[in-house]
Amino acid sequence: QLQLVESGGGLVQAGGSLRLSCAASGRTFSSYAMGWFRQAPGKDREFVAAIRWSGGNTYYGDSVKGRFTISRDNAKNTVYLQMNSLKPEDTAIYYCAASQDYRGTFYYEFAYDYWGQGTQVTVSS
């Protein structure tokens, strides 16, 4: 089992920035690809970003490209999501996820084996 704990959420004004962290424990973190998803009230869970185990390849949802950056520190067993130029439509619960085996994509929930509990991000206008 891999345990994931998100932190760093909060309330921020539009145009501001936040950095989310996801700390992993329980298994070898560096062997997992990691992703971030988000879910706004009344909406489906949406892919935000993903990063391969080595950190060499990153992937982003269209709505966050150019504003969000995913990174990881395998020595700290942590993945980050730097969010800049935040908009009210970025308001959601943000979830960290880990993928043990590559399933051809990082863009869908089925590609991931472990999930965190989520952290709330609220962007005011």
C-alpha atoms as a PDB file:
ATOM      1  CA  GLN A   1       0.000   0.000   0.000  1.00  0.00           C
ATOM      2  CA  LEU A   2       1.046   3.536  -0.724  1.00  0.00           C
ATOM      3  CA  GLN A   3      -0.366   6.301   1.459  1.00  0.00           C
ATOM      4  CA  LEU A   4      -0.779   9.783  -0.010  1.00  0.00           C
ATOM      5  CA  VAL A   5      -1.416  12.962   1.963  1.00  0.00           C
ATOM      6  CA  GLU A   6      -2.060  16.287   0.249  1.00  0.00           C
ATOM      7  CA  SER A   7      -1.427  19.699   1.780  1.00  0.00           C
ATOM      8  CA  GLY A   8      -1.126  23.329   0.769  1.00  0.00           C
ATOM      9  CA  GLY A   9      -4.697  24.096  -0.201  1.00  0.00           C
ATOM     10  CA  GLY A  10      -6.480  27.218   0.920  1.00  0.00           C
ATOM     11  CA  LEU A  11      -8.191  30.429  -0.092  1.00  0.00           C
ATOM     12  CA  VAL A  12      -6.489  32.720  -2.591  1.00  0.00           C
ATOM     13  CA  GLN A  13      -7.538  35.661  -4.724  1.00  0.00           C
ATOM     14  CA  ALA A  14      -7.746  35.403  -8.484  1.00  0.00           C
ATOM     15  CA  GLY A  15      -4.329  35.898 -10.025  1.00  0.00           C
ATOM     16  CA  GLY A  16      -2.583  34.475  -6.993  1.00  0.00           C
ATOM     17  CA  SER A  17      -0.532  31.337  -6.501  1.00  0.00           C
ATOM     18  CA  LEU A  18      -0.536  28.224  -4.362  1.00  0.00           C
ATOM     19  CA  ARG A  19       1.749  25.216  -4.132  1.00  0.00           C
ATOM     20  CA  LEU A  20       0.222  21.868  -3.299  1.00  0.00           C
ATOM     21  CA  SER A  21       2.276  19.034  -1.887  1.00  0.00           C
ATOM     22  CA  CYS A  22       1.583  15.317  -1.789  1.00  0.00           C
ATOM     23  CA  ALA A  23       3.655  13.257   0.619  1.00  0.00           C
ATOM     24  CA  ALA A  24       3.875   9.514  -0.009  1.00  0.00           C
ATOM     25  CA  SER A  25       4.721   6.738   2.395  1.00  0.00           C
ATOM     26  CA  GLY A  26       4.558   2.988   2.573  1.00  0.00           C
ATOM     27  CA  ARG A  27       6.299   1.860  -0.599  1.00  0.00           C
ATOM     28  CA  THR A  28       9.012   2.929  -3.027  1.00  0.00           C
ATOM     29  CA  PHE A  29       7.750   6.300  -4.183  1.00  0.00           C
ATOM     30  CA  SER A  30      10.194   6.647  -7.051  1.00  0.00           C
ATOM     31  CA  SER A  31       8.696   3.674  -8.906  1.00  0.00           C
ATOM     32  CA  TYR A  32       5.306   5.354  -9.282  1.00  0.00           C
ATOM     33  CA  ALA A  33       4.086   7.869 -11.785  1.00  0.00           C
ATOM     34  CA  MET A  34       2.151  10.597  -9.994  1.00  0.00           C
ATOM     35  CA  GLY A  35      -0.839  12.665 -10.971  1.00  0.00           C
ATOM     36  CA  TRP A  36      -3.094  15.452  -9.789  1.00  0.00           C
ATOM     37  CA  PHE A  37      -6.826  15.554 -10.395  1.00  0.00           C
ATOM     38  CA  ARG A  38      -9.479  17.972  -9.221  1.00  0.00           C
ATOM     39  CA  GLN A  39     -13.199  17.894  -8.642  1.00  0.00           C
ATOM     40  CA  ALA A  40     -15.440  20.921  -8.446  1.00  0.00           C
ATOM     41  CA  PRO A  41     -18.921  20.726  -6.885  1.00  0.00           C
ATOM     42  CA  GLY A  42     -21.356  19.031  -9.230  1.00  0.00           C
ATOM     43  CA  LYS A  43     -18.674  18.124 -11.751  1.00  0.00           C
ATOM     44  CA  ASP A  44     -16.705  15.027 -12.665  1.00  0.00           C
ATOM     45  CA  ARG A  45     -13.147  14.567 -11.510  1.00  0.00           C
ATOM     46  CA  GLU A  46     -10.801  16.257 -13.983  1.00  0.00           C
ATOM     47  CA  PHE A  47      -7.213  15.477 -14.900  1.00  0.00           C
ATOM     48  CA  VAL A  48      -4.806  18.277 -13.996  1.00  0.00           C
ATOM     49  CA  ALA A  49      -1.229  17.036 -14.377  1.00  0.00           C
ATOM     50  CA  ALA A  50       1.005  13.977 -14.242  1.00  0.00           C
ATOM     51  CA  ILE A  51       4.680  13.198 -14.027  1.00  0.00           C
ATOM     52  CA  ARG A  52       6.599  10.013 -14.767  1.00  0.00           C
ATOM     53  CA  TRP A  53       8.676   8.281 -12.132  1.00  0.00           C
ATOM     54  CA  SER A  54      11.902   9.911 -13.333  1.00  0.00           C
ATOM     55  CA  GLY A  55      10.378  13.382 -13.565  1.00  0.00           C
ATOM     56  CA  GLY A  56      11.503  13.612 -17.178  1.00  0.00           C
ATOM     57  CA  ASN A  57       8.033  13.722 -18.714  1.00  0.00           C
ATOM     58  CA  THR A  58       5.105  15.818 -17.613  1.00  0.00           C
ATOM     59  CA  TYR A  59       1.530  16.066 -18.848  1.00  0.00           C
ATOM     60  CA  TYR A  60      -1.137  18.726 -18.333  1.00  0.00           C
ATOM     61  CA  GLY A  61      -4.820  19.219 -18.829  1.00  0.00           C
ATOM     62  CA  ASP A  62      -5.701  21.904 -21.364  1.00  0.00           C
ATOM     63  CA  SER A  63      -7.272  24.179 -18.764  1.00  0.00           C
ATOM     64  CA  VAL A  64      -4.072  24.481 -16.724  1.00  0.00           C
ATOM     65  CA  LYS A  65      -1.335  24.433 -19.367  1.00  0.00           C
ATOM     66  CA  GLY A  66       1.047  27.337 -18.957  1.00  0.00           C
ATOM     67  CA  ARG A  67      -0.219  28.114 -15.437  1.00  0.00           C
ATOM     68  CA  PHE A  68       0.444  24.960 -13.408  1.00  0.00           C
ATOM     69  CA  THR A  69       3.684  23.017 -13.010  1.00  0.00           C
ATOM     70  CA  ILE A  70       4.053  19.506 -11.612  1.00  0.00           C
ATOM     71  CA  SER A  71       7.342  18.355 -10.124  1.00  0.00           C
ATOM     72  CA  ARG A  72       8.620  15.677  -7.782  1.00  0.00           C
ATOM     73  CA  ASP A  73      11.393  15.130  -5.290  1.00  0.00           C
ATOM     74  CA  ASN A  74      11.988  11.406  -4.973  1.00  0.00           C
ATOM     75  CA  ALA A  75      14.390  11.936  -2.078  1.00  0.00           C
ATOM     76  CA  LYS A  76      11.530  13.517  -0.117  1.00  0.00           C
ATOM     77  CA  ASN A  77       8.822  11.178  -1.436  1.00  0.00           C
ATOM     78  CA  THR A  78       6.843  14.235  -2.460  1.00  0.00           C
ATOM     79  CA  VAL A  79       5.144  15.524  -5.580  1.00  0.00           C
ATOM     80  CA  TYR A  80       4.230  19.185  -5.989  1.00  0.00           C
ATOM     81  CA  LEU A  81       1.758  21.210  -7.991  1.00  0.00           C
ATOM     82  CA  GLN A  82       2.703  24.855  -8.417  1.00  0.00           C
ATOM     83  CA  MET A  83      -0.397  26.799  -9.404  1.00  0.00           C
ATOM     84  CA  ASN A  84      -0.008  30.319 -10.777  1.00  0.00           C
ATOM     85  CA  SER A  85      -2.452  32.828 -12.250  1.00  0.00           C
ATOM     86  CA  LEU A  86      -5.281  31.126 -10.436  1.00  0.00           C
ATOM     87  CA  LYS A  87      -8.833  31.658 -11.623  1.00  0.00           C
ATOM     88  CA  PRO A  88     -12.162  31.180  -9.821  1.00  0.00           C
ATOM     89  CA  GLU A  89     -12.807  28.185 -12.075  1.00  0.00           C
ATOM     90  CA  ASP A  90      -9.788  26.469 -10.516  1.00  0.00           C
ATOM     91  CA  THR A  91     -11.801  26.134  -7.306  1.00  0.00           C
ATOM     92  CA  ALA A  92     -12.038  22.433  -6.485  1.00  0.00           C
ATOM     93  CA  ILE A  93     -10.815  19.664  -4.260  1.00  0.00           C
ATOM     94  CA  TYR A  94      -7.414  18.601  -5.541  1.00  0.00           C
ATOM     95  CA  TYR A  95      -6.402  14.956  -5.324  1.00  0.00           C
ATOM     96  CA  CYS A  96      -3.008  13.345  -5.598  1.00  0.00           C
ATOM     97  CA  ALA A  97      -2.781   9.897  -7.214  1.00  0.00           C
ATOM     98  CA  ALA A  98      -0.122   7.258  -7.844  1.00  0.00           C
ATOM     99  CA  SER A  99       0.171   4.890 -10.796  1.00  0.00           C
ATOM    100  CA  GLN A 100       2.085   1.668 -10.299  1.00  0.00           C
ATOM    101  CA  ASP A 101       1.851   0.261 -13.825  1.00  0.00           C
ATOM    102  CA  TYR A 102       1.585   2.262 -17.011  1.00  0.00           C
ATOM    103  CA  ARG A 103      -1.782   1.672 -18.693  1.00  0.00           C
ATOM    104  CA  GLY A 104      -1.249   3.677 -21.838  1.00  0.00           C
ATOM    105  CA  THR A 105      -2.358   7.007 -20.427  1.00  0.00           C
ATOM    106  CA  PHE A 106      -2.090   9.274 -17.410  1.00  0.00           C
ATOM    107  CA  TYR A 107      -5.210  11.290 -18.210  1.00  0.00           C
ATOM    108  CA  TYR A 108      -7.873   9.083 -16.673  1.00  0.00           C
ATOM    109  CA  GLU A 109      -8.663   7.891 -13.177  1.00  0.00           C
ATOM    110  CA  PHE A 110      -8.383   4.207 -14.100  1.00  0.00           C
ATOM    111  CA  ALA A 111      -4.657   4.692 -14.679  1.00  0.00           C
ATOM    112  CA  TYR A 112      -4.052   5.224 -10.959  1.00  0.00           C
ATOM    113  CA  ASP A 113      -3.897   2.785  -8.075  1.00  0.00           C
ATOM    114  CA  TYR A 114      -3.747   4.985  -4.993  1.00  0.00           C
ATOM    115  CA  TRP A 115      -5.443   8.240  -4.065  1.00  0.00           C
ATOM    116  CA  GLY A 116      -5.118  10.825  -1.371  1.00  0.00           C
ATOM    117  CA  GLN A 117      -8.003  12.363   0.551  1.00  0.00           C
ATOM    118  CA  GLY A 118      -7.816  15.700  -1.224  1.00  0.00           C
ATOM    119  CA  THR A 119      -7.164  19.316  -0.320  1.00  0.00           C
ATOM    120  CA  GLN A 120      -9.544  22.214  -0.938  1.00  0.00           C
ATOM    121  CA  VAL A 121      -8.482  25.080  -3.174  1.00  0.00           C
ATOM    122  CA  THR A 122     -10.770  28.103  -3.324  1.00  0.00           C
ATOM    123  CA  VAL A 123     -10.080  31.024  -5.646  1.00  0.00           C
ATOM    124  CA  SER A 124     -12.073  34.189  -5.012  1.00  0.00           C
ATOM    125  CA  SER A 125     -12.855  36.723  -7.714  1.00  0.00           C
END
